[in-house]
Structures are given as C-alpha cells and as structure tokens.
Amino acid sequence: MSWQENAETASASPKDQVPGSESAGLERKARIALGLYGVLAVLAWLTLDGTVLVDGRPVELRLVPLVVLGGLVVKTLLALKAEKIRRALIREREEVLKG
C-alpha cells in the first residue's frame, strides 16, 4: 500500500469505514504482537544461560528478558481491553444520541 493510499484511508470519514473493522484490526495486531512475544520468549529461554547477581542473589539470566516480555504482554492486553471499552462507550453514546 502506497503512502497516498494510506493518506486517503486515514482521511476517510468514520461513516465511510466499516463498523468494527478497526477493532478487528487492533485485535489482529495484538495477536501478532503476542505471538512475537512468545517467539522471543522461547528464543531467550533457549539461547541464554548463566546467572547474574541481583541484589546479592544469583538469578538465572534467562529470567530477565522473560520478565520484560511479560510486562510487554500485560501492557498489550491492557491496551487492547482499554480500546474495547472506549469503543463500547462511543457506540453507547451514539445510540443515546440517535434516540
């Protein structure tokens, strides 16, 4: 898709867009992100070895990226849930305004 097509799509009014298509696109992106986090977690687990000292205690090195990836998973899931709530509120407001 060229930048011109992207610009035309972005400038299209909300009435021109299919309802719910943004939500489906967001869910698809979240699934892809979660899958990639899983791939990175497996690669980190299989490739990292050894221990590091954290606050004077030995910690397996492979746990460090898993904790970071876990935080990214939580952030992704929270963002997805927040967007679903926002869209539900917008739909609710539109229904109230319609009568």
N, C-alpha and C. Protein backbone atom coordinates (compact mmCIF):
# COMPACT_ATOMS: atom_id res chain seq x y z
N MET A 1 0.86 -1.17 0.00
CA MET A 1 0.00 0.00 0.00
C MET A 1 0.90 1.23 0.00
N SER A 2 0.66 2.14 -0.91
CA SER A 2 1.49 3.34 -1.00
C SER A 2 1.07 4.36 0.05
N TRP A 3 1.91 5.37 0.23
CA TRP A 3 1.60 6.38 1.24
C TRP A 3 0.35 7.16 0.85
N GLN A 4 0.08 7.30 -0.47
CA GLN A 4 -1.11 8.01 -0.90
C GLN A 4 -2.37 7.25 -0.51
N GLU A 5 -2.34 5.92 -0.67
CA GLU A 5 -3.49 5.12 -0.27
C GLU A 5 -3.69 5.18 1.23
N ASN A 6 -2.59 5.19 1.99
CA ASN A 6 -2.69 5.32 3.44
C ASN A 6 -3.32 6.65 3.82
N ALA A 7 -2.90 7.72 3.14
CA ALA A 7 -3.43 9.05 3.43
C ALA A 7 -4.93 9.12 3.11
N GLU A 8 -5.33 8.51 1.99
CA GLU A 8 -6.74 8.52 1.63
C GLU A 8 -7.57 7.74 2.64
N THR A 9 -7.06 6.62 3.09
CA THR A 9 -7.77 5.81 4.08
C THR A 9 -7.87 6.56 5.40
N ALA A 10 -6.80 7.23 5.79
CA ALA A 10 -6.80 7.96 7.05
C ALA A 10 -7.74 9.15 7.00
N SER A 11 -7.88 9.76 5.83
CA SER A 11 -8.72 10.94 5.73
C SER A 11 -10.19 10.59 5.49
N ALA A 12 -10.49 9.32 5.27
CA ALA A 12 -11.88 8.92 5.06
C ALA A 12 -12.68 9.17 6.34
N SER A 13 -13.91 9.61 6.16
CA SER A 13 -14.74 9.89 7.33
C SER A 13 -15.14 8.58 8.00
N PRO A 14 -15.47 8.64 9.29
CA PRO A 14 -15.87 7.43 10.00
C PRO A 14 -17.08 6.74 9.37
N LYS A 15 -17.94 7.49 8.69
CA LYS A 15 -19.12 6.90 8.04
C LYS A 15 -18.71 6.01 6.87
N ASP A 16 -17.54 6.32 6.24
CA ASP A 16 -17.08 5.54 5.10
C ASP A 16 -16.45 4.21 5.52
N GLN A 17 -16.09 4.10 6.78
CA GLN A 17 -15.41 2.90 7.24
C GLN A 17 -16.42 1.87 7.74
N VAL A 18 -16.04 0.61 7.63
CA VAL A 18 -16.90 -0.47 8.09
C VAL A 18 -16.89 -0.51 9.62
N PRO A 19 -18.06 -0.52 10.27
CA PRO A 19 -18.07 -0.56 11.74
C PRO A 19 -17.42 -1.84 12.25
N GLY A 20 -16.59 -1.69 13.27
CA GLY A 20 -15.94 -2.83 13.86
C GLY A 20 -14.66 -3.26 13.17
N SER A 21 -14.38 -2.70 11.98
CA SER A 21 -13.17 -3.12 11.27
C SER A 21 -11.91 -2.66 12.00
N GLU A 22 -11.98 -1.50 12.65
CA GLU A 22 -10.82 -1.03 13.40
C GLU A 22 -10.54 -1.95 14.58
N SER A 23 -11.60 -2.40 15.23
CA SER A 23 -11.45 -3.30 16.36
C SER A 23 -10.85 -4.63 15.92
N ALA A 24 -11.30 -5.14 14.79
CA ALA A 24 -10.75 -6.40 14.28
C ALA A 24 -9.29 -6.23 13.92
N GLY A 25 -8.95 -5.09 13.34
CA GLY A 25 -7.55 -4.82 13.00
C GLY A 25 -6.68 -4.72 14.24
N LEU A 26 -7.22 -4.10 15.27
CA LEU A 26 -6.47 -3.96 16.52
C LEU A 26 -6.27 -5.32 17.18
N GLU A 27 -7.30 -6.14 17.17
CA GLU A 27 -7.18 -7.48 17.75
C GLU A 27 -6.18 -8.32 16.96
N ARG A 28 -6.18 -8.17 15.65
CA ARG A 28 -5.22 -8.91 14.82
C ARG A 28 -3.80 -8.49 15.15
N LYS A 29 -3.58 -7.19 15.29
CA LYS A 29 -2.25 -6.69 15.65
C LYS A 29 -1.83 -7.19 17.03
N ALA A 30 -2.78 -7.23 17.96
CA ALA A 30 -2.46 -7.70 19.31
C ALA A 30 -2.09 -9.18 19.27
N ARG A 31 -2.82 -9.99 18.49
CA ARG A 31 -2.48 -11.41 18.37
C ARG A 31 -1.09 -11.60 17.77
N ILE A 32 -0.77 -10.80 16.77
CA ILE A 32 0.56 -10.89 16.16
C ILE A 32 1.63 -10.51 17.18
N ALA A 33 1.39 -9.43 17.92
CA ALA A 33 2.35 -8.99 18.93
C ALA A 33 2.55 -10.06 19.99
N LEU A 34 1.46 -10.65 20.47
CA LEU A 34 1.56 -11.68 21.49
C LEU A 34 2.30 -12.91 20.96
N GLY A 35 2.06 -13.26 19.71
CA GLY A 35 2.79 -14.37 19.11
C GLY A 35 4.28 -14.09 19.01
N LEU A 36 4.62 -12.87 18.63
CA LEU A 36 6.03 -12.50 18.54
C LEU A 36 6.69 -12.46 19.92
N TYR A 37 5.94 -12.01 20.93
CA TYR A 37 6.48 -12.05 22.29
C TYR A 37 6.78 -13.50 22.69
N GLY A 38 5.89 -14.40 22.30
CA GLY A 38 6.10 -15.82 22.60
C GLY A 38 7.34 -16.36 21.92
N VAL A 39 7.53 -15.98 20.66
CA VAL A 39 8.73 -16.41 19.92
C VAL A 39 9.99 -15.87 20.61
N LEU A 40 9.96 -14.61 20.98
CA LEU A 40 11.11 -14.02 21.66
C LEU A 40 11.37 -14.70 23.01
N ALA A 41 10.31 -15.06 23.71
CA ALA A 41 10.48 -15.73 25.00
C ALA A 41 11.14 -17.10 24.81
N VAL A 42 10.69 -17.84 23.79
CA VAL A 42 11.29 -19.15 23.53
C VAL A 42 12.76 -19.00 23.13
N LEU A 43 13.04 -18.03 22.28
CA LEU A 43 14.43 -17.81 21.87
C LEU A 43 15.30 -17.40 23.06
N ALA A 44 14.78 -16.55 23.93
CA ALA A 44 15.54 -16.14 25.11
C ALA A 44 15.80 -17.33 26.01
N TRP A 45 14.79 -18.17 26.19
CA TRP A 45 14.93 -19.34 27.06
C TRP A 45 15.97 -20.31 26.51
N LEU A 46 15.96 -20.50 25.19
CA LEU A 46 16.86 -21.49 24.59
C LEU A 46 18.30 -20.98 24.41
N THR A 47 18.47 -19.68 24.29
CA THR A 47 19.81 -19.17 23.96
C THR A 47 20.57 -18.61 25.15
N LEU A 48 19.88 -18.14 26.16
CA LEU A 48 20.57 -17.55 27.30
C LEU A 48 20.87 -18.59 28.35
N ASP A 49 22.02 -18.44 28.97
CA ASP A 49 22.42 -19.38 30.01
C ASP A 49 23.29 -18.64 31.00
N GLY A 50 23.34 -19.11 32.21
CA GLY A 50 24.19 -18.50 33.23
C GLY A 50 23.37 -17.76 34.26
N THR A 51 24.08 -17.14 35.19
CA THR A 51 23.42 -16.40 36.26
C THR A 51 24.06 -15.02 36.40
N VAL A 52 23.29 -14.10 36.94
CA VAL A 52 23.77 -12.76 37.26
C VAL A 52 23.38 -12.48 38.71
N LEU A 53 24.13 -11.62 39.35
CA LEU A 53 23.82 -11.24 40.72
C LEU A 53 22.86 -10.05 40.72
N VAL A 54 21.74 -10.23 41.38
CA VAL A 54 20.76 -9.16 41.54
C VAL A 54 20.54 -9.00 43.03
N ASP A 55 20.95 -7.86 43.55
CA ASP A 55 20.82 -7.57 44.97
C ASP A 55 21.52 -8.64 45.81
N GLY A 56 22.65 -9.09 45.30
CA GLY A 56 23.46 -10.06 46.03
C GLY A 56 23.03 -11.51 45.89
N ARG A 57 21.95 -11.76 45.14
CA ARG A 57 21.48 -13.14 44.96
C ARG A 57 21.61 -13.54 43.49
N PRO A 58 21.99 -14.78 43.23
CA PRO A 58 22.08 -15.22 41.84
C PRO A 58 20.69 -15.41 41.21
N VAL A 59 20.54 -14.89 40.00
CA VAL A 59 19.30 -15.02 39.24
C VAL A 59 19.66 -15.56 37.87
N GLU A 60 18.88 -16.52 37.39
CA GLU A 60 19.15 -17.04 36.06
C GLU A 60 18.99 -15.93 35.03
N LEU A 61 19.95 -15.85 34.13
CA LEU A 61 19.97 -14.79 33.13
C LEU A 61 18.75 -14.86 32.22
N ARG A 62 18.25 -16.05 31.95
CA ARG A 62 17.14 -16.18 31.02
C ARG A 62 15.83 -15.64 31.60
N LEU A 63 15.77 -15.42 32.91
CA LEU A 63 14.56 -14.89 33.51
C LEU A 63 14.40 -13.38 33.28
N VAL A 64 15.50 -12.68 33.09
CA VAL A 64 15.45 -11.22 32.93
C VAL A 64 14.63 -10.83 31.69
N PRO A 65 14.94 -11.35 30.49
CA PRO A 65 14.11 -10.96 29.34
C PRO A 65 12.68 -11.49 29.44
N LEU A 66 12.48 -12.61 30.14
CA LEU A 66 11.12 -13.12 30.29
C LEU A 66 10.27 -12.17 31.14
N VAL A 67 10.88 -11.57 32.14
CA VAL A 67 10.15 -10.59 32.96
C VAL A 67 9.80 -9.36 32.12
N VAL A 68 10.74 -8.91 31.32
CA VAL A 68 10.48 -7.75 30.45
C VAL A 68 9.39 -8.08 29.44
N LEU A 69 9.49 -9.24 28.81
CA LEU A 69 8.46 -9.64 27.84
C LEU A 69 7.10 -9.81 28.52
N GLY A 70 7.10 -10.32 29.74
CA GLY A 70 5.85 -10.43 30.49
C GLY A 70 5.20 -9.08 30.72
N GLY A 71 6.02 -8.08 31.01
CA GLY A 71 5.49 -6.72 31.16
C GLY A 71 4.90 -6.19 29.86
N LEU A 72 5.55 -6.49 28.75
CA LEU A 72 5.02 -6.06 27.45
C LEU A 72 3.71 -6.77 27.12
N VAL A 73 3.60 -8.03 27.49
CA VAL A 73 2.35 -8.77 27.27
C VAL A 73 1.23 -8.13 28.08
N VAL A 74 1.49 -7.81 29.33
CA VAL A 74 0.47 -7.17 30.18
C VAL A 74 0.07 -5.82 29.59
N LYS A 75 1.05 -5.06 29.15
CA LYS A 75 0.76 -3.74 28.56
C LYS A 75 -0.10 -3.88 27.30
N THR A 76 0.22 -4.86 26.47
CA THR A 76 -0.54 -5.08 25.24
C THR A 76 -1.98 -5.47 25.56
N LEU A 77 -2.16 -6.38 26.51
CA LEU A 77 -3.51 -6.82 26.87
C LEU A 77 -4.32 -5.69 27.49
N LEU A 78 -3.68 -4.88 28.33
CA LEU A 78 -4.39 -3.74 28.92
C LEU A 78 -4.79 -2.71 27.87
N ALA A 79 -3.91 -2.45 26.91
CA ALA A 79 -4.23 -1.51 25.85
C ALA A 79 -5.39 -2.02 24.99
N LEU A 80 -5.39 -3.31 24.71
CA LEU A 80 -6.48 -3.90 23.94
C LEU A 80 -7.81 -3.79 24.69
N LYS A 81 -7.79 -4.11 25.97
CA LYS A 81 -9.01 -4.02 26.78
C LYS A 81 -9.50 -2.56 26.88
N ALA A 82 -8.57 -1.63 27.06
CA ALA A 82 -8.95 -0.22 27.16
C ALA A 82 -9.59 0.27 25.86
N GLU A 83 -9.05 -0.16 24.73
CA GLU A 83 -9.61 0.25 23.44
C GLU A 83 -11.00 -0.34 23.24
N LYS A 84 -11.22 -1.57 23.67
CA LYS A 84 -12.55 -2.17 23.57
C LYS A 84 -13.55 -1.39 24.42
N ILE A 85 -13.14 -0.98 25.61
CA ILE A 85 -14.02 -0.20 26.48
C ILE A 85 -14.33 1.15 25.85
N ARG A 86 -13.31 1.81 25.29
CA ARG A 86 -13.54 3.10 24.62
C ARG A 86 -14.53 2.97 23.48
N ARG A 87 -14.35 1.94 22.67
CA ARG A 87 -15.26 1.75 21.52
C ARG A 87 -16.68 1.45 21.99
N ALA A 88 -16.83 0.70 23.07
CA ALA A 88 -18.16 0.41 23.60
C ALA A 88 -18.82 1.69 24.10
N LEU A 89 -18.06 2.55 24.75
CA LEU A 89 -18.62 3.82 25.22
C LEU A 89 -19.03 4.72 24.06
N ILE A 90 -18.23 4.74 23.02
CA ILE A 90 -18.57 5.55 21.84
C ILE A 90 -19.85 5.04 21.20
N ARG A 91 -19.96 3.70 21.05
CA ARG A 91 -21.17 3.12 20.48
C ARG A 91 -22.39 3.45 21.35
N GLU A 92 -22.20 3.38 22.65
CA GLU A 92 -23.30 3.68 23.57
C GLU A 92 -23.74 5.13 23.44
N ARG A 93 -22.79 6.05 23.35
CA ARG A 93 -23.13 7.46 23.18
C ARG A 93 -23.86 7.70 21.87
N GLU A 94 -23.40 7.03 20.80
CA GLU A 94 -24.07 7.20 19.51
C GLU A 94 -25.51 6.71 19.56
N GLU A 95 -25.73 5.59 20.28
CA GLU A 95 -27.10 5.07 20.40
C GLU A 95 -27.97 6.02 21.19
N VAL A 96 -27.42 6.63 22.23
CA VAL A 96 -28.20 7.59 23.04
C VAL A 96 -28.54 8.81 22.20
N LEU A 97 -27.60 9.29 21.40
CA LEU A 97 -27.85 10.47 20.57
C LEU A 97 -28.86 10.19 19.47
N LYS A 98 -28.89 8.95 18.97
CA LYS A 98 -29.83 8.61 17.91
C LYS A 98 -31.26 8.54 18.45
N GLY A 99 -31.38 8.28 19.71
CA GLY A 99 -32.72 8.31 20.27
C GLY A 99 -33.08 7.07 20.90
